[in-house]
């Protein structure tokens, strides 16, 4: 009878400990995901902080569709900065 009570007490001590560990781990995962610190690949998320229009402008500049002067002028307009008259 004593053996059964010991096993029962051990189960009552182990289950809350496992639940506590799982809860802490889930809380950490939620915290990291909600802050947006990491992307799916584990690198800092910098691309999503750039507005979509700037990304499109960057792609057009990289593809050679617009020259440096046009890129700088449009980038300044997107960011709300006054551009120098040409």
C-alpha atoms as a PDB file:
ATOM      1  CA  UNK A   1       0.000   0.000   0.000  1.00  0.00           C
ATOM      2  CA  UNK A   2       2.857   2.380   0.759  1.00  0.00           C
ATOM      3  CA  UNK A   3       4.344   1.874  -2.711  1.00  0.00           C
ATOM      4  CA  UNK A   4       1.110   2.898  -4.377  1.00  0.00           C
ATOM      5  CA  UNK A   5       0.883   6.104  -2.328  1.00  0.00           C
ATOM      6  CA  UNK A   6       4.481   6.996  -3.188  1.00  0.00           C
ATOM      7  CA  UNK A   7       3.848   6.582  -6.895  1.00  0.00           C
ATOM      8  CA  UNK A   8       0.673   8.620  -6.654  1.00  0.00           C
ATOM      9  CA  UNK A   9       2.462  11.430  -4.859  1.00  0.00           C
ATOM     10  CA  UNK A  10       5.258  11.392  -7.423  1.00  0.00           C
ATOM     11  CA  UNK A  11       2.691  11.703 -10.224  1.00  0.00           C
ATOM     12  CA  UNK A  12       1.045  14.635  -8.471  1.00  0.00           C
ATOM     13  CA  UNK A  13       4.418  16.388  -8.217  1.00  0.00           C
ATOM     14  CA  UNK A  14       5.567  15.599 -11.768  1.00  0.00           C
ATOM     15  CA  UNK A  15       2.457  16.678 -13.671  1.00  0.00           C
ATOM     16  CA  UNK A  16       2.444  20.295 -12.382  1.00  0.00           C
ATOM     17  CA  UNK A  17       6.188  20.571 -13.035  1.00  0.00           C
ATOM     18  CA  UNK A  18       5.738  19.451 -16.648  1.00  0.00           C
ATOM     19  CA  UNK A  19       2.801  21.815 -17.094  1.00  0.00           C
ATOM     20  CA  UNK A  20       4.865  24.688 -15.700  1.00  0.00           C
ATOM     21  CA  UNK A  21       7.749  23.981 -18.082  1.00  0.00           C
ATOM     22  CA  UNK A  22       5.408  23.733 -21.077  1.00  0.00           C
ATOM     23  CA  UNK A  23       3.664  26.969 -20.093  1.00  0.00           C
ATOM     24  CA  UNK A  24       6.958  28.841 -19.767  1.00  0.00           C
ATOM     25  CA  UNK A  25       8.175  27.546 -23.141  1.00  0.00           C
ATOM     26  CA  UNK A  26       4.915  28.470 -24.873  1.00  0.00           C
ATOM     27  CA  UNK A  27       5.086  31.920 -23.292  1.00  0.00           C
ATOM     28  CA  UNK A  28       8.600  32.451 -24.620  1.00  0.00           C
ATOM     29  CA  UNK A  29       7.589  31.342 -28.120  1.00  0.00           C
ATOM     30  CA  UNK A  30       4.597  33.682 -28.045  1.00  0.00           C
ATOM     31  CA  UNK A  31       6.761  36.577 -26.824  1.00  0.00           C
ATOM     32  CA  UNK A  32       9.342  36.145 -29.593  1.00  0.00           C
ATOM     33  CA  UNK A  33       6.683  35.822 -32.290  1.00  0.00           C
ATOM     34  CA  UNK A  34       4.580  38.749 -31.088  1.00  0.00           C
ATOM     35  CA  UNK A  35       7.508  41.160 -30.957  1.00  0.00           C
ATOM     36  CA  UNK A  36       8.440  40.352 -34.557  1.00  0.00           C
ATOM     37  CA  UNK A  37      12.127  40.174 -33.739  1.00  0.00           C
ATOM     38  CA  UNK A  38      12.819  37.208 -35.963  1.00  0.00           C
ATOM     39  CA  UNK A  39      11.506  36.110 -39.320  1.00  0.00           C
ATOM     40  CA  UNK A  40      10.800  32.534 -40.312  1.00  0.00           C
ATOM     41  CA  UNK A  41      14.441  32.104 -41.303  1.00  0.00           C
ATOM     42  CA  UNK A  42      15.727  33.319 -37.962  1.00  0.00           C
ATOM     43  CA  UNK A  43      17.168  36.601 -39.242  1.00  0.00           C
ATOM     44  CA  UNK A  44      16.152  40.083 -38.146  1.00  0.00           C
ATOM     45  CA  UNK A  45      13.116  41.346 -40.023  1.00  0.00           C
ATOM     46  CA  UNK A  46      14.270  44.396 -42.000  1.00  0.00           C
ATOM     47  CA  UNK A  47      12.450  44.016 -45.296  1.00  0.00           C
ATOM     48  CA  UNK A  48       8.970  44.252 -43.831  1.00  0.00           C
ATOM     49  CA  UNK A  49       9.861  47.603 -42.226  1.00  0.00           C
ATOM     50  CA  UNK A  50      10.439  49.142 -45.663  1.00  0.00           C
ATOM     51  CA  UNK A  51       7.276  50.457 -47.319  1.00  0.00           C
ATOM     52  CA  UNK A  52       6.095  48.579 -50.392  1.00  0.00           C
ATOM     53  CA  UNK A  53       6.514  51.610 -52.666  1.00  0.00           C
ATOM     54  CA  UNK A  54      10.183  51.936 -51.716  1.00  0.00           C
ATOM     55  CA  UNK A  55      10.746  48.248 -52.430  1.00  0.00           C
ATOM     56  CA  UNK A  56       9.176  48.632 -55.857  1.00  0.00           C
ATOM     57  CA  UNK A  57      11.303  51.704 -56.539  1.00  0.00           C
ATOM     58  CA  UNK A  58      14.413  49.815 -55.440  1.00  0.00           C
ATOM     59  CA  UNK A  59      13.586  46.939 -57.784  1.00  0.00           C
ATOM     60  CA  UNK A  60      13.064  49.290 -60.739  1.00  0.00           C
ATOM     61  CA  UNK A  61      16.387  51.009 -60.015  1.00  0.00           C
ATOM     62  CA  UNK A  62      18.196  47.662 -59.731  1.00  0.00           C
ATOM     63  CA  UNK A  63      16.661  46.503 -63.018  1.00  0.00           C
ATOM     64  CA  UNK A  64      17.891  49.672 -64.752  1.00  0.00           C
ATOM     65  CA  UNK A  65      14.417  50.992 -65.540  1.00  0.00           C
ATOM     66  CA  UNK A  66      15.209  54.342 -63.890  1.00  0.00           C
ATOM     67  CA  UNK A  67      18.497  56.209 -63.489  1.00  0.00           C
ATOM     68  CA  UNK A  68      20.145  57.436 -60.302  1.00  0.00           C
ATOM     69  CA  UNK A  69      18.660  60.932 -60.487  1.00  0.00           C
ATOM     70  CA  UNK A  70      15.122  59.610 -60.980  1.00  0.00           C
ATOM     71  CA  UNK A  71      15.593  57.121 -58.132  1.00  0.00           C
ATOM     72  CA  UNK A  72      16.773  59.828 -55.707  1.00  0.00           C
ATOM     73  CA  UNK A  73      13.964  62.183 -56.717  1.00  0.00           C
ATOM     74  CA  UNK A  74      11.236  59.574 -56.290  1.00  0.00           C
ATOM     75  CA  UNK A  75      12.716  58.270 -53.048  1.00  0.00           C
ATOM     76  CA  UNK A  76      12.712  61.789 -51.610  1.00  0.00           C
ATOM     77  CA  UNK A  77       9.100  62.231 -52.721  1.00  0.00           C
ATOM     78  CA  UNK A  78       8.077  58.955 -51.064  1.00  0.00           C
ATOM     79  CA  UNK A  79       9.740  59.918 -47.811  1.00  0.00           C
ATOM     80  CA  UNK A  80       8.219  63.402 -47.880  1.00  0.00           C
ATOM     81  CA  UNK A  81      11.546  65.180 -48.230  1.00  0.00           C
ATOM     82  CA  UNK A  82      11.885  68.189 -50.522  1.00  0.00           C
ATOM     83  CA  UNK A  83      13.848  67.358 -53.636  1.00  0.00           C
ATOM     84  CA  UNK A  84      16.271  69.749 -55.277  1.00  0.00           C
ATOM     85  CA  UNK A  85      14.936  71.247 -58.520  1.00  0.00           C
ATOM     86  CA  UNK A  86      16.583  69.863 -61.634  1.00  0.00           C
END
